[in-house]
Amino acid sequence: MNLASYLKASNTSGLFELNNDGTVLYSRFRQNNQLLNSDSEMVGHNFFEDVAGFENAKDFRRIFNNFINSNKFTDNFVFDCRFSKETVRVRVMMVRAFENSYPNPADIVILDIRNGIY
């Protein structure tokens, strides 16, 4: 259960639905334009502590928290995920989502992370 193995592969993207605490509510990967099965193993785990798997996940979490505390509905940026022997540059898009069936409908962020798609 680690995003790192997906990010190190080329042409990979991950779609995550997180609550404001960073808990994964949903995840799905795409590799070489093929949707992979959703990964229910990640659901319920903290994205930044349990799933991300890159050394600078705290920096990523800081960006996420800044987004949550802002008035923005969307944000996108390039982020360098650092691993022990390599750095993987990814494009990130964050979007606020509203779901009426969730206890706090405004507390959901869609996180789209893409590697090798520029």
PDB file of N, CA and C in Angstrom:
ATOM      1  N   MET A   1       0.846  -1.179   0.000  1.00  0.00           N
ATOM      2  CA  MET A   1       0.000   0.000   0.000  1.00  0.00           C
ATOM      3  C   MET A   1       0.887   1.235   0.000  1.00  0.00           C
ATOM      4  N   ASN A   2       1.431   1.555  -1.172  1.00  0.00           N
ATOM      5  CA  ASN A   2       2.359   2.673  -1.234  1.00  0.00           C
ATOM      6  C   ASN A   2       2.280   3.318  -2.606  1.00  0.00           C
ATOM      7  N   LEU A   3       2.085   4.614  -2.622  1.00  0.00           N
ATOM      8  CA  LEU A   3       2.015   5.366  -3.863  1.00  0.00           C
ATOM      9  C   LEU A   3       3.345   5.358  -4.595  1.00  0.00           C
ATOM     10  N   ALA A   4       4.435   5.219  -3.876  1.00  0.00           N
ATOM     11  CA  ALA A   4       5.777   5.291  -4.465  1.00  0.00           C
ATOM     12  C   ALA A   4       5.948   4.315  -5.620  1.00  0.00           C
ATOM     13  N   SER A   5       5.482   3.096  -5.478  1.00  0.00           N
ATOM     14  CA  SER A   5       5.664   2.105  -6.539  1.00  0.00           C
ATOM     15  C   SER A   5       4.943   2.531  -7.815  1.00  0.00           C
ATOM     16  N   TYR A   6       3.814   3.210  -7.689  1.00  0.00           N
ATOM     17  CA  TYR A   6       3.094   3.701  -8.856  1.00  0.00           C
ATOM     18  C   TYR A   6       3.800   4.911  -9.463  1.00  0.00           C
ATOM     19  N   LEU A   7       4.265   5.823  -8.623  1.00  0.00           N
ATOM     20  CA  LEU A   7       4.882   7.049  -9.120  1.00  0.00           C
ATOM     21  C   LEU A   7       6.179   6.787  -9.866  1.00  0.00           C
ATOM     22  N   LYS A   8       6.898   5.759  -9.477  1.00  0.00           N
ATOM     23  CA  LYS A   8       8.172   5.467 -10.124  1.00  0.00           C
ATOM     24  C   LYS A   8       7.994   4.877 -11.516  1.00  0.00           C
ATOM     25  N   ALA A   9       6.795   4.402 -11.819  1.00  0.00           N
ATOM     26  CA  ALA A   9       6.508   3.901 -13.164  1.00  0.00           C
ATOM     27  C   ALA A   9       6.118   5.083 -14.041  1.00  0.00           C
ATOM     28  N   SER A  10       6.478   5.033 -15.300  1.00  0.00           N
ATOM     29  CA  SER A  10       6.146   6.160 -16.186  1.00  0.00           C
ATOM     30  C   SER A  10       4.684   6.095 -16.608  1.00  0.00           C
ATOM     31  N   ASN A  11       4.160   7.247 -17.025  1.00  0.00           N
ATOM     32  CA  ASN A  11       2.785   7.371 -17.498  1.00  0.00           C
ATOM     33  C   ASN A  11       1.766   6.829 -16.490  1.00  0.00           C
ATOM     34  N   THR A  12       1.909   7.255 -15.274  1.00  0.00           N
ATOM     35  CA  THR A  12       1.046   6.799 -14.199  1.00  0.00           C
ATOM     36  C   THR A  12       0.337   7.987 -13.576  1.00  0.00           C
ATOM     37  N   SER A  13      -0.903   7.781 -13.182  1.00  0.00           N
ATOM     38  CA  SER A  13      -1.604   8.810 -12.429  1.00  0.00           C
ATOM     39  C   SER A  13      -2.402   8.148 -11.321  1.00  0.00           C
ATOM     40  N   GLY A  14      -2.618   8.901 -10.272  1.00  0.00           N
ATOM     41  CA  GLY A  14      -3.409   8.426  -9.156  1.00  0.00           C
ATOM     42  C   GLY A  14      -4.485   9.433  -8.833  1.00  0.00           C
ATOM     43  N   LEU A  15      -5.685   8.960  -8.598  1.00  0.00           N
ATOM     44  CA  LEU A  15      -6.808   9.805  -8.237  1.00  0.00           C
ATOM     45  C   LEU A  15      -7.229   9.416  -6.830  1.00  0.00           C
ATOM     46  N   PHE A  16      -7.231  10.404  -5.940  1.00  0.00           N
ATOM     47  CA  PHE A  16      -7.556  10.149  -4.546  1.00  0.00           C
ATOM     48  C   PHE A  16      -8.649  11.094  -4.092  1.00  0.00           C
ATOM     49  N   GLU A  17      -9.516  10.599  -3.260  1.00  0.00           N
ATOM     50  CA  GLU A  17     -10.498  11.428  -2.581  1.00  0.00           C
ATOM     51  C   GLU A  17     -10.080  11.405  -1.115  1.00  0.00           C
ATOM     52  N   LEU A  18      -9.771  12.583  -0.585  1.00  0.00           N
ATOM     53  CA  LEU A  18      -9.298  12.696   0.795  1.00  0.00           C
ATOM     54  C   LEU A  18     -10.240  13.580   1.591  1.00  0.00           C
ATOM     55  N   ASN A  19     -10.354  13.296   2.890  1.00  0.00           N
ATOM     56  CA  ASN A  19     -11.028  14.280   3.723  1.00  0.00           C
ATOM     57  C   ASN A  19      -9.981  15.297   4.158  1.00  0.00           C
ATOM     58  N   ASN A  20     -10.396  16.330   4.870  1.00  0.00           N
ATOM     59  CA  ASN A  20      -9.477  17.415   5.232  1.00  0.00           C
ATOM     60  C   ASN A  20      -8.344  16.971   6.153  1.00  0.00           C
ATOM     61  N   ASP A  21      -8.496  15.831   6.800  1.00  0.00           N
ATOM     62  CA  ASP A  21      -7.428  15.301   7.656  1.00  0.00           C
ATOM     63  C   ASP A  21      -6.409  14.503   6.862  1.00  0.00           C
ATOM     64  N   GLY A  22      -6.700  14.235   5.599  1.00  0.00           N
ATOM     65  CA  GLY A  22      -5.794  13.454   4.764  1.00  0.00           C
ATOM     66  C   GLY A  22      -6.136  11.981   4.691  1.00  0.00           C
ATOM     67  N   THR A  23      -7.258  11.580   5.272  1.00  0.00           N
ATOM     68  CA  THR A  23      -7.674  10.183   5.217  1.00  0.00           C
ATOM     69  C   THR A  23      -8.198   9.863   3.821  1.00  0.00           C
ATOM     70  N   VAL A  24      -7.742   8.757   3.268  1.00  0.00           N
ATOM     71  CA  VAL A  24      -8.157   8.331   1.933  1.00  0.00           C
ATOM     72  C   VAL A  24      -9.573   7.770   2.004  1.00  0.00           C
ATOM     73  N   LEU A  25     -10.462   8.352   1.196  1.00  0.00           N
ATOM     74  CA  LEU A  25     -11.836   7.875   1.098  1.00  0.00           C
ATOM     75  C   LEU A  25     -12.021   7.010  -0.148  1.00  0.00           C
ATOM     76  N   TYR A  26     -11.175   7.249  -1.171  1.00  0.00           N
ATOM     77  CA  TYR A  26     -11.247   6.521  -2.436  1.00  0.00           C
ATOM     78  C   TYR A  26      -9.908   6.682  -3.148  1.00  0.00           C
ATOM     79  N   SER A  27      -9.501   5.665  -3.881  1.00  0.00           N
ATOM     80  CA  SER A  27      -8.285   5.784  -4.705  1.00  0.00           C
ATOM     81  C   SER A  27      -8.419   4.918  -5.944  1.00  0.00           C
ATOM     82  N   ARG A  28      -7.815   5.412  -7.017  1.00  0.00           N
ATOM     83  CA  ARG A  28      -7.818   4.672  -8.279  1.00  0.00           C
ATOM     84  C   ARG A  28      -6.597   5.094  -9.078  1.00  0.00           C
ATOM     85  N   PHE A  29      -5.989   4.168  -9.783  1.00  0.00           N
ATOM     86  CA  PHE A  29      -4.793   4.452 -10.572  1.00  0.00           C
ATOM     87  C   PHE A  29      -5.053   4.216 -12.048  1.00  0.00           C
ATOM     88  N   ARG A  30      -4.281   4.924 -12.853  1.00  0.00           N
ATOM     89  CA  ARG A  30      -4.288   4.748 -14.297  1.00  0.00           C
ATOM     90  C   ARG A  30      -2.826   4.589 -14.703  1.00  0.00           C
ATOM     91  N   GLN A  31      -2.565   3.581 -15.524  1.00  0.00           N
ATOM     92  CA  GLN A  31      -1.203   3.373 -16.015  1.00  0.00           C
ATOM     93  C   GLN A  31      -1.276   3.078 -17.501  1.00  0.00           C
ATOM     94  N   ASN A  32      -0.483   3.821 -18.302  1.00  0.00           N
ATOM     95  CA  ASN A  32      -0.482   3.669 -19.759  1.00  0.00           C
ATOM     96  C   ASN A  32      -1.900   3.746 -20.329  1.00  0.00           C
ATOM     97  N   ASN A  33      -2.661   4.740 -19.853  1.00  0.00           N
ATOM     98  CA  ASN A  33      -4.037   4.992 -20.297  1.00  0.00           C
ATOM     99  C   ASN A  33      -5.007   3.861 -19.996  1.00  0.00           C
ATOM    100  N   GLN A  34      -4.670   2.996 -19.059  1.00  0.00           N
ATOM    101  CA  GLN A  34      -5.564   1.926 -18.639  1.00  0.00           C
ATOM    102  C   GLN A  34      -5.939   2.127 -17.169  1.00  0.00           C
ATOM    103  N   LEU A  35      -7.248   2.152 -16.903  1.00  0.00           N
ATOM    104  CA  LEU A  35      -7.679   2.258 -15.512  1.00  0.00           C
ATOM    105  C   LEU A  35      -7.379   0.957 -14.785  1.00  0.00           C
ATOM    106  N   LEU A  36      -6.792   1.071 -13.628  1.00  0.00           N
ATOM    107  CA  LEU A  36      -6.551  -0.092 -12.777  1.00  0.00           C
ATOM    108  C   LEU A  36      -7.685  -0.162 -11.761  1.00  0.00           C
ATOM    109  N   ASN A  37      -7.829  -1.275 -11.113  1.00  0.00           N
ATOM    110  CA  ASN A  37      -8.875  -1.405 -10.098  1.00  0.00           C
ATOM    111  C   ASN A  37      -8.663  -0.396  -8.979  1.00  0.00           C
ATOM    112  N   SER A  38      -9.754   0.030  -8.376  1.00  0.00           N
ATOM    113  CA  SER A  38      -9.608   0.924  -7.238  1.00  0.00           C
ATOM    114  C   SER A  38      -8.899   0.161  -6.128  1.00  0.00           C
ATOM    115  N   ASP A  39      -8.128   0.875  -5.350  1.00  0.00           N
ATOM    116  CA  ASP A  39      -7.309   0.247  -4.324  1.00  0.00           C
ATOM    117  C   ASP A  39      -7.943   0.477  -2.961  1.00  0.00           C
ATOM    118  N   SER A  40      -8.834  -0.428  -2.571  1.00  0.00           N
ATOM    119  CA  SER A  40      -9.539  -0.284  -1.295  1.00  0.00           C
ATOM    120  C   SER A  40      -8.601  -0.469  -0.103  1.00  0.00           C
ATOM    121  N   GLU A  41      -7.401  -1.005  -0.346  1.00  0.00           N
ATOM    122  CA  GLU A  41      -6.428  -1.186   0.726  1.00  0.00           C
ATOM    123  C   GLU A  41      -5.988   0.159   1.308  1.00  0.00           C
ATOM    124  N   MET A  42      -6.036   1.213   0.504  1.00  0.00           N
ATOM    125  CA  MET A  42      -5.615   2.539   0.957  1.00  0.00           C
ATOM    126  C   MET A  42      -6.716   3.275   1.719  1.00  0.00           C
ATOM    127  N   VAL A  43      -7.962   2.892   1.497  1.00  0.00           N
ATOM    128  CA  VAL A  43      -9.097   3.574   2.115  1.00  0.00           C
ATOM    129  C   VAL A  43      -8.995   3.474   3.639  1.00  0.00           C
ATOM    130  N   GLY A  44      -9.190   4.624   4.282  1.00  0.00           N
ATOM    131  CA  GLY A  44      -9.138   4.679   5.736  1.00  0.00           C
ATOM    132  C   GLY A  44      -7.766   5.006   6.290  1.00  0.00           C
ATOM    133  N   HIS A  45      -6.760   5.018   5.431  1.00  0.00           N
ATOM    134  CA  HIS A  45      -5.395   5.334   5.867  1.00  0.00           C
ATOM    135  C   HIS A  45      -5.064   6.791   5.568  1.00  0.00           C
ATOM    136  N   ASN A  46      -4.143   7.341   6.330  1.00  0.00           N
ATOM    137  CA  ASN A  46      -3.719   8.715   6.114  1.00  0.00           C
ATOM    138  C   ASN A  46      -2.807   8.755   4.900  1.00  0.00           C
ATOM    139  N   PHE A  47      -3.173   9.580   3.934  1.00  0.00           N
ATOM    140  CA  PHE A  47      -2.410   9.668   2.699  1.00  0.00           C
ATOM    141  C   PHE A  47      -0.959  10.052   2.955  1.00  0.00           C
ATOM    142  N   PHE A  48      -0.730  11.031   3.808  1.00  0.00           N
ATOM    143  CA  PHE A  48       0.606  11.589   4.003  1.00  0.00           C
ATOM    144  C   PHE A  48       1.490  10.699   4.864  1.00  0.00           C
ATOM    145  N   GLU A  49       0.921   9.985   5.809  1.00  0.00           N
ATOM    146  CA  GLU A  49       1.701   9.147   6.724  1.00  0.00           C
ATOM    147  C   GLU A  49       1.826   7.702   6.251  1.00  0.00           C
ATOM    148  N   ASP A  50       0.782   7.182   5.607  1.00  0.00           N
ATOM    149  CA  ASP A  50       0.752   5.755   5.291  1.00  0.00           C
ATOM    150  C   ASP A  50       0.848   5.435   3.805  1.00  0.00           C
ATOM    151  N   VAL A  51       0.428   6.359   2.945  1.00  0.00           N
ATOM    152  CA  VAL A  51       0.268   6.045   1.527  1.00  0.00           C
ATOM    153  C   VAL A  51       1.344   6.672   0.652  1.00  0.00           C
ATOM    154  N   ALA A  52       1.662   7.943   0.859  1.00  0.00           N
ATOM    155  CA  ALA A  52       2.524   8.695  -0.064  1.00  0.00           C
ATOM    156  C   ALA A  52       3.852   7.994  -0.318  1.00  0.00           C
ATOM    157  N   GLY A  53       4.584   7.668   0.702  1.00  0.00           N
ATOM    158  CA  GLY A  53       5.819   6.895   0.547  1.00  0.00           C
ATOM    159  C   GLY A  53       7.016   7.664   0.027  1.00  0.00           C
ATOM    160  N   PHE A  54       6.915   8.979  -0.156  1.00  0.00           N
ATOM    161  CA  PHE A  54       8.085   9.744  -0.566  1.00  0.00           C
ATOM    162  C   PHE A  54       8.604  10.544   0.624  1.00  0.00           C
ATOM    163  N   GLU A  55       9.900  10.843   0.592  1.00  0.00           N
ATOM    164  CA  GLU A  55      10.591  11.424   1.745  1.00  0.00           C
ATOM    165  C   GLU A  55      10.085  12.804   2.133  1.00  0.00           C
ATOM    166  N   ASN A  56       9.614  13.573   1.192  1.00  0.00           N
ATOM    167  CA  ASN A  56       9.162  14.931   1.482  1.00  0.00           C
ATOM    168  C   ASN A  56       7.636  15.030   1.541  1.00  0.00           C
ATOM    169  N   ALA A  57       6.997  13.993   2.046  1.00  0.00           N
ATOM    170  CA  ALA A  57       5.535  13.984   2.182  1.00  0.00           C
ATOM    171  C   ALA A  57       5.055  15.095   3.116  1.00  0.00           C
ATOM    172  N   LYS A  58       5.880  15.491   4.083  1.00  0.00           N
ATOM    173  CA  LYS A  58       5.487  16.587   4.983  1.00  0.00           C
ATOM    174  C   LYS A  58       5.371  17.903   4.211  1.00  0.00           C
ATOM    175  N   ASP A  59       6.235  18.119   3.234  1.00  0.00           N
ATOM    176  CA  ASP A  59       6.138  19.320   2.402  1.00  0.00           C
ATOM    177  C   ASP A  59       4.845  19.296   1.589  1.00  0.00           C
ATOM    178  N   PHE A  60       4.508  18.132   1.080  1.00  0.00           N
ATOM    179  CA  PHE A  60       3.277  17.976   0.313  1.00  0.00           C
ATOM    180  C   PHE A  60       2.064  18.218   1.211  1.00  0.00           C
ATOM    181  N   ARG A  61       2.136  17.709   2.420  1.00  0.00           N
ATOM    182  CA  ARG A  61       1.033  17.911   3.372  1.00  0.00           C
ATOM    183  C   ARG A  61       0.850  19.396   3.693  1.00  0.00           C
ATOM    184  N   ARG A  62       1.942  20.126   3.792  1.00  0.00           N
ATOM    185  CA  ARG A  62       1.867  21.566   4.065  1.00  0.00           C
ATOM    186  C   ARG A  62       1.129  22.283   2.925  1.00  0.00           C
ATOM    187  N   ILE A  63       1.421  21.909   1.695  1.00  0.00           N
ATOM    188  CA  ILE A  63       0.723  22.488   0.543  1.00  0.00           C
ATOM    189  C   ILE A  63      -0.760  22.135   0.594  1.00  0.00           C
ATOM    190  N   PHE A  64      -1.063  20.893   0.926  1.00  0.00           N
ATOM    191  CA  PHE A  64      -2.449  20.430   1.058  1.00  0.00           C
ATOM    192  C   PHE A  64      -3.178  21.231   2.136  1.00  0.00           C
ATOM    193  N   ASN A  65      -2.551  21.397   3.297  1.00  0.00           N
ATOM    194  CA  ASN A  65      -3.171  22.147   4.395  1.00  0.00           C
ATOM    195  C   ASN A  65      -3.384  23.609   4.015  1.00  0.00           C
ATOM    196  N   ASN A  66      -2.438  24.200   3.302  1.00  0.00           N
ATOM    197  CA  ASN A  66      -2.609  25.580   2.834  1.00  0.00           C
ATOM    198  C   ASN A  66      -3.815  25.683   1.902  1.00  0.00           C
ATOM    199  N   PHE A  67      -3.996  24.673   1.062  1.00  0.00           N
ATOM    200  CA  PHE A  67      -5.148  24.657   0.165  1.00  0.00           C
ATOM    201  C   PHE A  67      -6.451  24.571   0.964  1.00  0.00           C
ATOM    202  N   ILE A  68      -6.492  23.694   1.942  1.00  0.00           N
ATOM    203  CA  ILE A  68      -7.691  23.522   2.764  1.00  0.00           C
ATOM    204  C   ILE A  68      -8.049  24.818   3.487  1.00  0.00           C
ATOM    205  N   ASN A  69      -7.044  25.526   3.958  1.00  0.00           N
ATOM    206  CA  ASN A  69      -7.277  26.754   4.722  1.00  0.00           C
ATOM    207  C   ASN A  69      -7.487  27.983   3.843  1.00  0.00           C
ATOM    208  N   SER A  70      -7.382  27.807   2.541  1.00  0.00           N
ATOM    209  CA  SER A  70      -7.562  28.931   1.612  1.00  0.00           C
ATOM    210  C   SER A  70      -9.023  28.990   1.151  1.00  0.00           C
ATOM    211  N   ASN A  71      -9.299  29.970   0.335  1.00  0.00           N
ATOM    212  CA  ASN A  71     -10.623  30.104  -0.273  1.00  0.00           C
ATOM    213  C   ASN A  71     -10.653  29.546  -1.690  1.00  0.00           C
ATOM    214  N   LYS A  72      -9.578  28.899  -2.111  1.00  0.00           N
ATOM    215  CA  LYS A  72      -9.498  28.350  -3.463  1.00  0.00           C
ATOM    216  C   LYS A  72     -10.378  27.109  -3.605  1.00  0.00           C
ATOM    217  N   PHE A  73     -10.925  26.942  -4.803  1.00  0.00           N
ATOM    218  CA  PHE A  73     -11.663  25.725  -5.115  1.00  0.00           C
ATOM    219  C   PHE A  73     -10.800  24.736  -5.883  1.00  0.00           C
ATOM    220  N   THR A  74      -9.770  25.239  -6.555  1.00  0.00           N
ATOM    221  CA  THR A  74      -8.842  24.380  -7.286  1.00  0.00           C
ATOM    222  C   THR A  74      -7.430  24.935  -7.142  1.00  0.00           C
ATOM    223  N   ASP A  75      -6.463  24.067  -7.305  1.00  0.00           N
ATOM    224  CA  ASP A  75      -5.067  24.477  -7.353  1.00  0.00           C
ATOM    225  C   ASP A  75      -4.318  23.416  -8.138  1.00  0.00           C
ATOM    226  N   ASN A  76      -3.293  23.816  -8.852  1.00  0.00           N
ATOM    227  CA  ASN A  76      -2.442  22.833  -9.524  1.00  0.00           C
ATOM    228  C   ASN A  76      -1.009  23.338  -9.498  1.00  0.00           C
ATOM    229  N   PHE A  77      -0.100  22.394  -9.455  1.00  0.00           N
ATOM    230  CA  PHE A  77       1.315  22.723  -9.315  1.00  0.00           C
ATOM    231  C   PHE A  77       2.145  21.498  -9.671  1.00  0.00           C
ATOM    232  N   VAL A  78       3.433  21.719  -9.829  1.00  0.00           N
ATOM    233  CA  VAL A  78       4.388  20.634 -10.046  1.00  0.00           C
ATOM    234  C   VAL A  78       5.101  20.401  -8.726  1.00  0.00           C
ATOM    235  N   PHE A  79       5.283  19.132  -8.381  1.00  0.00           N
ATOM    236  CA  PHE A  79       5.919  18.771  -7.120  1.00  0.00           C
ATOM    237  C   PHE A  79       6.959  17.689  -7.382  1.00  0.00           C
ATOM    238  N   ASP A  80       8.116  17.823  -6.749  1.00  0.00           N
ATOM    239  CA  ASP A  80       9.178  16.814  -6.859  1.00  0.00           C
ATOM    240  C   ASP A  80       9.086  15.860  -5.681  1.00  0.00           C
ATOM    241  N   CYS A  81       8.676  14.629  -5.937  1.00  0.00           N
ATOM    242  CA  CYS A  81       8.606  13.593  -4.903  1.00  0.00           C
ATOM    243  C   CYS A  81       9.997  12.992  -4.759  1.00  0.00           C
ATOM    244  N   ARG A  82      10.576  13.137  -3.581  1.00  0.00           N
ATOM    245  CA  ARG A  82      11.938  12.652  -3.364  1.00  0.00           C
ATOM    246  C   ARG A  82      11.924  11.249  -2.747  1.00  0.00           C
ATOM    247  N   PHE A  83      12.710  10.392  -3.355  1.00  0.00           N
ATOM    248  CA  PHE A  83      12.942   9.046  -2.852  1.00  0.00           C
ATOM    249  C   PHE A  83      14.433   8.928  -2.583  1.00  0.00           C
ATOM    250  N   SER A  84      14.861   7.876  -1.949  1.00  0.00           N
ATOM    251  CA  SER A  84      16.260   7.774  -1.534  1.00  0.00           C
ATOM    252  C   SER A  84      17.242   7.959  -2.693  1.00  0.00           C
ATOM    253  N   LYS A  85      16.948   7.404  -3.872  1.00  0.00           N
ATOM    254  CA  LYS A  85      17.904   7.465  -4.974  1.00  0.00           C
ATOM    255  C   LYS A  85      17.387   8.200  -6.195  1.00  0.00           C
ATOM    256  N   GLU A  86      16.189   8.745  -6.121  1.00  0.00           N
ATOM    257  CA  GLU A  86      15.662   9.453  -7.281  1.00  0.00           C
ATOM    258  C   GLU A  86      14.596  10.462  -6.871  1.00  0.00           C
ATOM    259  N   THR A  87      14.330  11.366  -7.791  1.00  0.00           N
ATOM    260  CA  THR A  87      13.269  12.344  -7.627  1.00  0.00           C
ATOM    261  C   THR A  87      12.315  12.182  -8.791  1.00  0.00           C
ATOM    262  N   VAL A  88      11.027  12.130  -8.487  1.00  0.00           N
ATOM    263  CA  VAL A  88      10.008  11.972  -9.517  1.00  0.00           C
ATOM    264  C   VAL A  88       9.163  13.246  -9.539  1.00  0.00           C
ATOM    265  N   ARG A  89       9.182  13.922 -10.677  1.00  0.00           N
ATOM    266  CA  ARG A  89       8.397  15.152 -10.833  1.00  0.00           C
ATOM    267  C   ARG A  89       6.979  14.774 -11.250  1.00  0.00           C
ATOM    268  N   VAL A  90       5.997  15.302 -10.515  1.00  0.00           N
ATOM    269  CA  VAL A  90       4.596  15.016 -10.801  1.00  0.00           C
ATOM    270  C   VAL A  90       3.811  16.318 -10.919  1.00  0.00           C
ATOM    271  N   ARG A  91       2.731  16.260 -11.664  1.00  0.00           N
ATOM    272  CA  ARG A  91       1.787  17.367 -11.735  1.00  0.00           C
ATOM    273  C   ARG A  91       0.628  17.010 -10.807  1.00  0.00           C
ATOM    274  N   VAL A  92       0.247  17.965  -9.978  1.00  0.00           N
ATOM    275  CA  VAL A  92      -0.787  17.745  -8.971  1.00  0.00           C
ATOM    276  C   VAL A  92      -1.925  18.722  -9.208  1.00  0.00           C
ATOM    277  N   MET A  93      -3.140  18.220  -9.113  1.00  0.00           N
ATOM    278  CA  MET A  93      -4.310  19.078  -9.130  1.00  0.00           C
ATOM    279  C   MET A  93      -5.161  18.738  -7.914  1.00  0.00           C
ATOM    280  N   MET A  94      -5.554  19.761  -7.181  1.00  0.00           N
ATOM    281  CA  MET A  94      -6.447  19.590  -6.033  1.00  0.00           C
ATOM    282  C   MET A  94      -7.747  20.332  -6.334  1.00  0.00           C
ATOM    283  N   VAL A  95      -8.861  19.689  -6.048  1.00  0.00           N
ATOM    284  CA  VAL A  95     -10.181  20.264  -6.287  1.00  0.00           C
ATOM    285  C   VAL A  95     -11.048  19.979  -5.067  1.00  0.00           C
ATOM    286  N   ARG A  96     -11.732  21.014  -4.602  1.00  0.00           N
ATOM    287  CA  ARG A  96     -12.701  20.798  -3.521  1.00  0.00           C
ATOM    288  C   ARG A  96     -13.915  20.089  -4.102  1.00  0.00           C
ATOM    289  N   ALA A  97     -14.396  19.106  -3.376  1.00  0.00           N
ATOM    290  CA  ALA A  97     -15.577  18.365  -3.812  1.00  0.00           C
ATOM    291  C   ALA A  97     -16.649  18.456  -2.728  1.00  0.00           C
ATOM    292  N   PHE A  98     -17.864  18.378  -3.170  1.00  0.00           N
ATOM    293  CA  PHE A  98     -18.990  18.430  -2.241  1.00  0.00           C
ATOM    294  C   PHE A  98     -19.852  17.209  -2.469  1.00  0.00           C
ATOM    295  N   GLU A  99     -20.047  16.442  -1.410  1.00  0.00           N
ATOM    296  CA  GLU A  99     -20.830  15.214  -1.515  1.00  0.00           C
ATOM    297  C   GLU A  99     -21.848  15.212  -0.385  1.00  0.00           C
ATOM    298  N   ASN A 100     -23.100  15.232  -0.743  1.00  0.00           N
ATOM    299  CA  ASN A 100     -24.153  15.335   0.266  1.00  0.00           C
ATOM    300  C   ASN A 100     -24.244  14.129   1.184  1.00  0.00           C
ATOM    301  N   SER A 101     -23.817  12.965   0.736  1.00  0.00           N
ATOM    302  CA  SER A 101     -23.933  11.769   1.576  1.00  0.00           C
ATOM    303  C   SER A 101     -22.824  11.671   2.617  1.00  0.00           C
ATOM    304  N   TYR A 102     -21.798  12.525   2.503  1.00  0.00           N
ATOM    305  CA  TYR A 102     -20.690  12.530   3.463  1.00  0.00           C
ATOM    306  C   TYR A 102     -21.085  13.405   4.656  1.00  0.00           C
ATOM    307  N   PRO A 103     -20.703  13.023   5.895  1.00  0.00           N
ATOM    308  CA  PRO A 103     -21.126  13.786   7.080  1.00  0.00           C
ATOM    309  C   PRO A 103     -20.802  15.284   7.017  1.00  0.00           C
ATOM    310  N   ASN A 104     -19.658  15.647   6.499  1.00  0.00           N
ATOM    311  CA  ASN A 104     -19.280  17.053   6.309  1.00  0.00           C
ATOM    312  C   ASN A 104     -19.021  17.249   4.823  1.00  0.00           C
ATOM    313  N   PRO A 105     -20.065  17.565   4.048  1.00  0.00           N
ATOM    314  CA  PRO A 105     -19.936  17.533   2.590  1.00  0.00           C
ATOM    315  C   PRO A 105     -18.871  18.443   2.004  1.00  0.00           C
ATOM    316  N   ALA A 106     -18.455  19.487   2.705  1.00  0.00           N
ATOM    317  CA  ALA A 106     -17.444  20.399   2.152  1.00  0.00           C
ATOM    318  C   ALA A 106     -16.023  19.957   2.485  1.00  0.00           C
ATOM    319  N   ASP A 107     -15.870  18.892   3.222  1.00  0.00           N
ATOM    320  CA  ASP A 107     -14.553  18.471   3.693  1.00  0.00           C
ATOM    321  C   ASP A 107     -13.915  17.385   2.834  1.00  0.00           C
ATOM    322  N   ILE A 108     -14.070  17.478   1.531  1.00  0.00           N
ATOM    323  CA  ILE A 108     -13.502  16.478   0.629  1.00  0.00           C
ATOM    324  C   ILE A 108     -12.635  17.183  -0.405  1.00  0.00           C
ATOM    325  N   VAL A 109     -11.452  16.620  -0.659  1.00  0.00           N
ATOM    326  CA  VAL A 109     -10.558  17.145  -1.683  1.00  0.00           C
ATOM    327  C   VAL A 109     -10.221  16.015  -2.647  1.00  0.00           C
ATOM    328  N   ILE A 110     -10.392  16.286  -3.938  1.00  0.00           N
ATOM    329  CA  ILE A 110      -9.968  15.348  -4.971  1.00  0.00           C
ATOM    330  C   ILE A 110      -8.518  15.691  -5.303  1.00  0.00           C
ATOM    331  N   LEU A 111      -7.668  14.711  -5.233  1.00  0.00           N
ATOM    332  CA  LEU A 111      -6.242  14.878  -5.470  1.00  0.00           C
ATOM    333  C   LEU A 111      -5.865  14.036  -6.672  1.00  0.00           C
ATOM    334  N   ASP A 112      -5.410  14.688  -7.735  1.00  0.00           N
ATOM    335  CA  ASP A 112      -5.009  14.010  -8.964  1.00  0.00           C
ATOM    336  C   ASP A 112      -3.507  14.193  -9.124  1.00  0.00           C
ATOM    337  N   ILE A 113      -2.763  13.093  -9.109  1.00  0.00           N
ATOM    338  CA  ILE A 113      -1.304  13.140  -9.199  1.00  0.00           C
ATOM    339  C   ILE A 113      -0.896  12.408 -10.472  1.00  0.00           C
ATOM    340  N   ARG A 114      -0.163  13.104 -11.355  1.00  0.00           N
ATOM    341  CA  ARG A 114       0.218  12.530 -12.643  1.00  0.00           C
ATOM    342  C   ARG A 114       1.735  12.551 -12.831  1.00  0.00           C
ATOM    343  N   ASN A 115       2.258  11.435 -13.228  1.00  0.00           N
ATOM    344  CA  ASN A 115       3.677  11.289 -13.518  1.00  0.00           C
ATOM    345  C   ASN A 115       3.827  11.063 -15.018  1.00  0.00           C
ATOM    346  N   GLY A 116       4.728  11.812 -15.624  1.00  0.00           N
ATOM    347  CA  GLY A 116       5.042  11.578 -17.021  1.00  0.00           C
ATOM    348  C   GLY A 116       4.018  12.108 -17.998  1.00  0.00           C
ATOM    349  N   ILE A 117       3.104  12.961 -17.533  1.00  0.00           N
ATOM    350  CA  ILE A 117       2.082  13.507 -18.411  1.00  0.00           C
ATOM    351  C   ILE A 117       2.212  15.021 -18.382  1.00  0.00           C
ATOM    352  N   TYR A 118       2.958  15.576 -19.345  1.00  0.00           N
ATOM    353  CA  TYR A 118       3.175  17.022 -19.385  1.00  0.00           C
ATOM    354  C   TYR A 118       2.873  17.560 -20.750  1.00  0.00           C
TER     355      TYR A 118
END
